[in-house]
Amino acid sequence: MEEITDALDRAAPEHFTQALPKSAQAQMRALVKAAKGDKKAVAAALGVDPNTVRRYLTGQRKHPRSALRQALARELQRVWQPGIRRKARKQAASTGGITVEVRAYFGYTAPTGTTDEPRLRPLTVHLPPAYAERLFAAQDQGASDQQMREIMAEGFQEIYFKDGGRAAGLKVEFTGIQAIDVSY
């Protein structure tokens, strides 16, 4: 599961200036347009037959089943208003940063005499623009969720756990995500 990538994708709709299309036909049309007319790519992304895409485009089918309805919404949110999405990400990466709300296990590598057992912690941390830029760049390059976790763990380590140099030598491990939400 790509938890961090999904969290970054879920944050984008708060910046959209237009509502997503409501009807299945309009949603399918928007996906095909975003795919530059490649109906087979849309069908593969949705997990359906290319003829199903054609039927929705022509209006032969109007009411998708639950799984297709969810796939349509998910894929449409990923491609809707790419210019607005780029602008919001650019602002977060240059001036705004991102806020991460997470419930996960954090473990440490620290000097002798301290506990290093991972503990479940609910945290809300504002990461500066440099970390937002690294996360977005990694996502654009198709980085794995583990690589995204390492970037985020480094951000938590510097901003929250070390608090600007308080605990030199501390290394934070970020595992067992139970819930994560991002806003920028």
C-alpha atoms as a PDB file:
ATOM      1  CA  MET A   1       0.000   0.000   0.000  1.00  0.00           C
ATOM      2  CA  GLU A   2       1.292   3.456  -0.927  1.00  0.00           C
ATOM      3  CA  GLU A   3       0.148   5.277   2.213  1.00  0.00           C
ATOM      4  CA  ILE A   4       2.202   8.447   1.869  1.00  0.00           C
ATOM      5  CA  THR A   5       1.586   8.829  -1.868  1.00  0.00           C
ATOM      6  CA  ASP A   6      -2.147   8.361  -1.273  1.00  0.00           C
ATOM      7  CA  ALA A   7      -2.074  10.949   1.533  1.00  0.00           C
ATOM      8  CA  LEU A   8      -0.373  13.473  -0.764  1.00  0.00           C
ATOM      9  CA  ASP A   9      -2.973  12.758  -3.475  1.00  0.00           C
ATOM     10  CA  ARG A  10      -5.832  13.184  -0.979  1.00  0.00           C
ATOM     11  CA  ALA A  11      -4.525  16.644  -0.034  1.00  0.00           C
ATOM     12  CA  ALA A  12      -4.794  18.060  -3.567  1.00  0.00           C
ATOM     13  CA  PRO A  13      -8.619  18.353  -3.826  1.00  0.00           C
ATOM     14  CA  GLU A  14      -8.753  21.086  -1.174  1.00  0.00           C
ATOM     15  CA  HIS A  15      -7.091  23.369  -3.767  1.00  0.00           C
ATOM     16  CA  PHE A  16      -9.415  22.580  -6.689  1.00  0.00           C
ATOM     17  CA  THR A  17     -11.379  25.518  -8.051  1.00  0.00           C
ATOM     18  CA  GLN A  18     -13.975  23.442  -9.918  1.00  0.00           C
ATOM     19  CA  ALA A  19     -16.055  20.558  -8.647  1.00  0.00           C
ATOM     20  CA  LEU A  20     -15.387  17.113 -10.038  1.00  0.00           C
ATOM     21  CA  PRO A  21     -17.856  15.946 -12.689  1.00  0.00           C
ATOM     22  CA  LYS A  22     -20.874  14.172 -11.192  1.00  0.00           C
ATOM     23  CA  SER A  23     -22.110  11.804 -13.919  1.00  0.00           C
ATOM     24  CA  ALA A  24     -20.211   8.673 -14.859  1.00  0.00           C
ATOM     25  CA  GLN A  25     -20.156   9.811 -18.498  1.00  0.00           C
ATOM     26  CA  ALA A  26     -18.589  13.173 -17.628  1.00  0.00           C
ATOM     27  CA  GLN A  27     -16.086  11.496 -15.294  1.00  0.00           C
ATOM     28  CA  MET A  28     -15.088   9.017 -17.989  1.00  0.00           C
ATOM     29  CA  ARG A  29     -14.779  11.838 -20.540  1.00  0.00           C
ATOM     30  CA  ALA A  30     -12.467  13.771 -18.189  1.00  0.00           C
ATOM     31  CA  LEU A  31     -10.278  10.696 -17.626  1.00  0.00           C
ATOM     32  CA  VAL A  32      -9.982  10.017 -21.368  1.00  0.00           C
ATOM     33  CA  LYS A  33      -9.118  13.670 -21.962  1.00  0.00           C
ATOM     34  CA  ALA A  34      -6.414  13.538 -19.270  1.00  0.00           C
ATOM     35  CA  ALA A  35      -5.046  10.361 -20.884  1.00  0.00           C
ATOM     36  CA  LYS A  36      -4.910  12.197 -24.245  1.00  0.00           C
ATOM     37  CA  GLY A  37      -7.559   9.932 -25.762  1.00  0.00           C
ATOM     38  CA  ASP A  38      -6.013   6.627 -24.691  1.00  0.00           C
ATOM     39  CA  LYS A  39      -9.098   4.627 -23.718  1.00  0.00           C
ATOM     40  CA  LYS A  40      -7.046   1.482 -23.112  1.00  0.00           C
ATOM     41  CA  ALA A  41      -4.929   3.290 -20.502  1.00  0.00           C
ATOM     42  CA  VAL A  42      -8.082   4.540 -18.779  1.00  0.00           C
ATOM     43  CA  ALA A  43      -9.551   1.031 -18.819  1.00  0.00           C
ATOM     44  CA  ALA A  44      -6.345  -0.394 -17.324  1.00  0.00           C
ATOM     45  CA  ALA A  45      -6.286   2.257 -14.583  1.00  0.00           C
ATOM     46  CA  LEU A  46      -9.910   1.526 -13.710  1.00  0.00           C
ATOM     47  CA  GLY A  47      -9.533  -2.248 -13.987  1.00  0.00           C
ATOM     48  CA  VAL A  48     -12.250  -2.639 -16.633  1.00  0.00           C
ATOM     49  CA  ASP A  49     -12.512  -3.669 -20.267  1.00  0.00           C
ATOM     50  CA  PRO A  50     -11.956  -0.938 -22.905  1.00  0.00           C
ATOM     51  CA  ASN A  51     -15.512  -1.584 -24.161  1.00  0.00           C
ATOM     52  CA  THR A  52     -16.819  -0.575 -20.748  1.00  0.00           C
ATOM     53  CA  VAL A  53     -15.074   2.795 -21.129  1.00  0.00           C
ATOM     54  CA  ARG A  54     -16.641   3.189 -24.583  1.00  0.00           C
ATOM     55  CA  ARG A  55     -20.123   2.339 -23.249  1.00  0.00           C
ATOM     56  CA  TYR A  56     -19.906   5.012 -20.557  1.00  0.00           C
ATOM     57  CA  LEU A  57     -18.585   7.574 -23.050  1.00  0.00           C
ATOM     58  CA  THR A  58     -21.478   6.956 -25.454  1.00  0.00           C
ATOM     59  CA  GLY A  59     -24.063   6.933 -22.672  1.00  0.00           C
ATOM     60  CA  GLN A  60     -25.041   3.272 -23.099  1.00  0.00           C
ATOM     61  CA  ARG A  61     -24.196   2.725 -19.432  1.00  0.00           C
ATOM     62  CA  LYS A  62     -24.909   5.338 -16.786  1.00  0.00           C
ATOM     63  CA  HIS A  63     -24.751   3.772 -13.340  1.00  0.00           C
ATOM     64  CA  PRO A  64     -21.414   2.163 -12.420  1.00  0.00           C
ATOM     65  CA  ARG A  65     -21.177  -0.513  -9.786  1.00  0.00           C
ATOM     66  CA  SER A  66     -19.591   0.359  -6.480  1.00  0.00           C
ATOM     67  CA  ALA A  67     -16.042  -0.761  -7.348  1.00  0.00           C
ATOM     68  CA  LEU A  68     -16.023   1.164 -10.640  1.00  0.00           C
ATOM     69  CA  ARG A  69     -17.587   4.234  -8.999  1.00  0.00           C
ATOM     70  CA  GLN A  70     -14.793   4.260  -6.404  1.00  0.00           C
ATOM     71  CA  ALA A  71     -12.109   3.725  -9.063  1.00  0.00           C
ATOM     72  CA  LEU A  72     -13.556   6.578 -11.153  1.00  0.00           C
ATOM     73  CA  ALA A  73     -13.472   8.948  -8.168  1.00  0.00           C
ATOM     74  CA  ARG A  74      -9.939   7.904  -7.188  1.00  0.00           C
ATOM     75  CA  GLU A  75      -8.475   8.233 -10.689  1.00  0.00           C
ATOM     76  CA  LEU A  76     -10.308  11.466 -11.408  1.00  0.00           C
ATOM     77  CA  GLN A  77      -8.903  13.087  -8.255  1.00  0.00           C
ATOM     78  CA  ARG A  78      -5.394  12.145  -9.420  1.00  0.00           C
ATOM     79  CA  VAL A  79      -5.735  13.911 -12.789  1.00  0.00           C
ATOM     80  CA  TRP A  80      -8.257  16.701 -12.141  1.00  0.00           C
ATOM     81  CA  GLN A  81      -6.992  20.261 -12.590  1.00  0.00           C
ATOM     82  CA  PRO A  82      -3.292  19.504 -13.057  1.00  0.00           C
ATOM     83  CA  GLY A  83      -2.377  23.200 -13.274  1.00  0.00           C
ATOM     84  CA  ILE A  84      -4.009  23.996  -9.935  1.00  0.00           C
ATOM     85  CA  ARG A  85      -2.340  20.940  -8.385  1.00  0.00           C
ATOM     86  CA  ARG A  86       1.097  22.034  -9.704  1.00  0.00           C
ATOM     87  CA  LYS A  87       0.606  25.563  -8.402  1.00  0.00           C
ATOM     88  CA  ALA A  88      -0.385  24.359  -4.896  1.00  0.00           C
ATOM     89  CA  ARG A  89       2.530  21.921  -4.765  1.00  0.00           C
ATOM     90  CA  LYS A  90       4.942  24.623  -5.937  1.00  0.00           C
ATOM     91  CA  GLN A  91       3.748  26.972  -3.207  1.00  0.00           C
ATOM     92  CA  ALA A  92       4.107  24.247  -0.554  1.00  0.00           C
ATOM     93  CA  ALA A  93       7.595  23.420  -1.806  1.00  0.00           C
ATOM     94  CA  SER A  94       8.742  27.044  -1.906  1.00  0.00           C
ATOM     95  CA  THR A  95       7.048  28.893   0.957  1.00  0.00           C
ATOM     96  CA  GLY A  96       4.277  27.006   2.738  1.00  0.00           C
ATOM     97  CA  GLY A  97       5.516  23.537   3.656  1.00  0.00           C
ATOM     98  CA  ILE A  98       3.182  20.682   4.532  1.00  0.00           C
ATOM     99  CA  THR A  99       1.378  19.616   7.666  1.00  0.00           C
ATOM    100  CA  VAL A 100       1.394  15.902   8.426  1.00  0.00           C
ATOM    101  CA  GLU A 101      -1.035  14.357  10.878  1.00  0.00           C
ATOM    102  CA  VAL A 102      -0.013  10.783  11.588  1.00  0.00           C
ATOM    103  CA  ARG A 103      -0.626   7.940  13.995  1.00  0.00           C
ATOM    104  CA  ALA A 104       2.346   5.605  13.653  1.00  0.00           C
ATOM    105  CA  TYR A 105       5.125   3.789  15.455  1.00  0.00           C
ATOM    106  CA  PHE A 106       8.336   5.745  15.967  1.00  0.00           C
ATOM    107  CA  GLY A 107      11.538   4.095  17.140  1.00  0.00           C
ATOM    108  CA  TYR A 108      14.944   5.624  17.841  1.00  0.00           C
ATOM    109  CA  THR A 109      18.612   4.922  17.652  1.00  0.00           C
ATOM    110  CA  ALA A 110      20.083   7.031  20.423  1.00  0.00           C
ATOM    111  CA  PRO A 111      22.855   7.059  23.057  1.00  0.00           C
ATOM    112  CA  THR A 112      23.026   4.280  25.643  1.00  0.00           C
ATOM    113  CA  GLY A 113      20.526   4.524  28.469  1.00  0.00           C
ATOM    114  CA  THR A 114      17.570   5.628  26.349  1.00  0.00           C
ATOM    115  CA  THR A 115      14.677   3.530  25.138  1.00  0.00           C
ATOM    116  CA  ASP A 116      14.687   2.531  21.505  1.00  0.00           C
ATOM    117  CA  GLU A 117      11.474   0.488  21.434  1.00  0.00           C
ATOM    118  CA  PRO A 118       9.000   1.797  18.868  1.00  0.00           C
ATOM    119  CA  ARG A 119       6.014   3.532  20.439  1.00  0.00           C
ATOM    120  CA  LEU A 120       2.695   4.454  18.901  1.00  0.00           C
ATOM    121  CA  ARG A 121       2.455   8.239  18.720  1.00  0.00           C
ATOM    122  CA  PRO A 122      -0.168  10.543  17.299  1.00  0.00           C
ATOM    123  CA  LEU A 123       1.692  13.548  15.868  1.00  0.00           C
ATOM    124  CA  THR A 124       0.790  16.665  13.950  1.00  0.00           C
ATOM    125  CA  VAL A 125       3.941  18.250  12.556  1.00  0.00           C
ATOM    126  CA  HIS A 126       4.435  21.092  10.104  1.00  0.00           C
ATOM    127  CA  LEU A 127       7.354  20.194   7.832  1.00  0.00           C
ATOM    128  CA  PRO A 128       9.180  23.091   6.152  1.00  0.00           C
ATOM    129  CA  PRO A 129       9.172  23.639   2.372  1.00  0.00           C
ATOM    130  CA  ALA A 130      12.437  21.725   1.838  1.00  0.00           C
ATOM    131  CA  TYR A 131      10.783  18.481   2.959  1.00  0.00           C
ATOM    132  CA  ALA A 132       7.666  19.210   0.900  1.00  0.00           C
ATOM    133  CA  GLU A 133       9.873  19.725  -2.147  1.00  0.00           C
ATOM    134  CA  ARG A 134      11.709  16.439  -1.544  1.00  0.00           C
ATOM    135  CA  LEU A 135       8.461  14.516  -1.038  1.00  0.00           C
ATOM    136  CA  PHE A 136       6.866  15.916  -4.204  1.00  0.00           C
ATOM    137  CA  ALA A 137      10.030  15.271  -6.236  1.00  0.00           C
ATOM    138  CA  ALA A 138      10.190  11.692  -4.959  1.00  0.00           C
ATOM    139  CA  GLN A 139       6.511  11.165  -5.775  1.00  0.00           C
ATOM    140  CA  ASP A 140       6.994  12.561  -9.295  1.00  0.00           C
ATOM    141  CA  GLN A 141       9.937  10.202  -9.837  1.00  0.00           C
ATOM    142  CA  GLY A 142       7.839   7.211  -8.744  1.00  0.00           C
ATOM    143  CA  ALA A 143       9.656   6.586  -5.468  1.00  0.00           C
ATOM    144  CA  SER A 144       8.547   3.685  -3.318  1.00  0.00           C
ATOM    145  CA  ASP A 145       6.574   4.244  -0.149  1.00  0.00           C
ATOM    146  CA  GLN A 146       9.669   3.226   1.848  1.00  0.00           C
ATOM    147  CA  GLN A 147      11.686   6.037   0.264  1.00  0.00           C
ATOM    148  CA  MET A 148       8.878   8.493   1.006  1.00  0.00           C
ATOM    149  CA  ARG A 149       8.826   7.270   4.634  1.00  0.00           C
ATOM    150  CA  GLU A 150      12.557   7.908   4.956  1.00  0.00           C
ATOM    151  CA  ILE A 151      12.147  11.502   3.799  1.00  0.00           C
ATOM    152  CA  MET A 152       9.219  12.018   6.160  1.00  0.00           C
ATOM    153  CA  ALA A 153      11.079  10.326   9.055  1.00  0.00           C
ATOM    154  CA  GLU A 154      14.001  12.676   8.512  1.00  0.00           C
ATOM    155  CA  GLY A 155      11.604  15.617   8.665  1.00  0.00           C
ATOM    156  CA  PHE A 156      10.015  14.355  11.889  1.00  0.00           C
ATOM    157  CA  GLN A 157      13.478  13.714  13.303  1.00  0.00           C
ATOM    158  CA  GLU A 158      14.734  17.241  12.646  1.00  0.00           C
ATOM    159  CA  ILE A 159      11.565  19.225  13.371  1.00  0.00           C
ATOM    160  CA  TYR A 160       9.855  17.294  16.161  1.00  0.00           C
ATOM    161  CA  PHE A 161      12.294  14.948  17.883  1.00  0.00           C
ATOM    162  CA  LYS A 162      15.508  16.975  17.668  1.00  0.00           C
ATOM    163  CA  ASP A 163      13.682  20.312  17.826  1.00  0.00           C
ATOM    164  CA  GLY A 164      16.448  22.227  16.089  1.00  0.00           C
ATOM    165  CA  GLY A 165      19.486  20.468  17.579  1.00  0.00           C
ATOM    166  CA  ARG A 166      18.220  19.377  20.993  1.00  0.00           C
ATOM    167  CA  ALA A 167      19.114  15.675  20.638  1.00  0.00           C
ATOM    168  CA  ALA A 168      22.241  15.295  18.533  1.00  0.00           C
ATOM    169  CA  GLY A 169      22.888  11.746  17.348  1.00  0.00           C
ATOM    170  CA  LEU A 170      19.219  10.737  17.432  1.00  0.00           C
ATOM    171  CA  LYS A 171      18.025   8.666  14.456  1.00  0.00           C
ATOM    172  CA  VAL A 172      14.246   8.214  14.074  1.00  0.00           C
ATOM    173  CA  GLU A 173      12.563   5.216  12.463  1.00  0.00           C
ATOM    174  CA  PHE A 174       9.022   5.672  11.120  1.00  0.00           C
ATOM    175  CA  THR A 175       7.034   2.407  10.850  1.00  0.00           C
ATOM    176  CA  GLY A 176       3.566   0.943  11.301  1.00  0.00           C
ATOM    177  CA  ILE A 177       1.444   3.783   9.965  1.00  0.00           C
ATOM    178  CA  GLN A 178      -2.113   3.422  11.236  1.00  0.00           C
ATOM    179  CA  ALA A 179      -3.429   6.701   9.805  1.00  0.00           C
ATOM    180  CA  ILE A 180      -1.866   9.552   7.876  1.00  0.00           C
ATOM    181  CA  ASP A 181      -3.255  12.783   6.505  1.00  0.00           C
ATOM    182  CA  VAL A 182      -1.399  15.571   4.738  1.00  0.00           C
ATOM    183  CA  SER A 183      -2.380  19.145   3.959  1.00  0.00           C
ATOM    184  CA  TYR A 184      -0.543  21.875   2.114  1.00  0.00           C
END
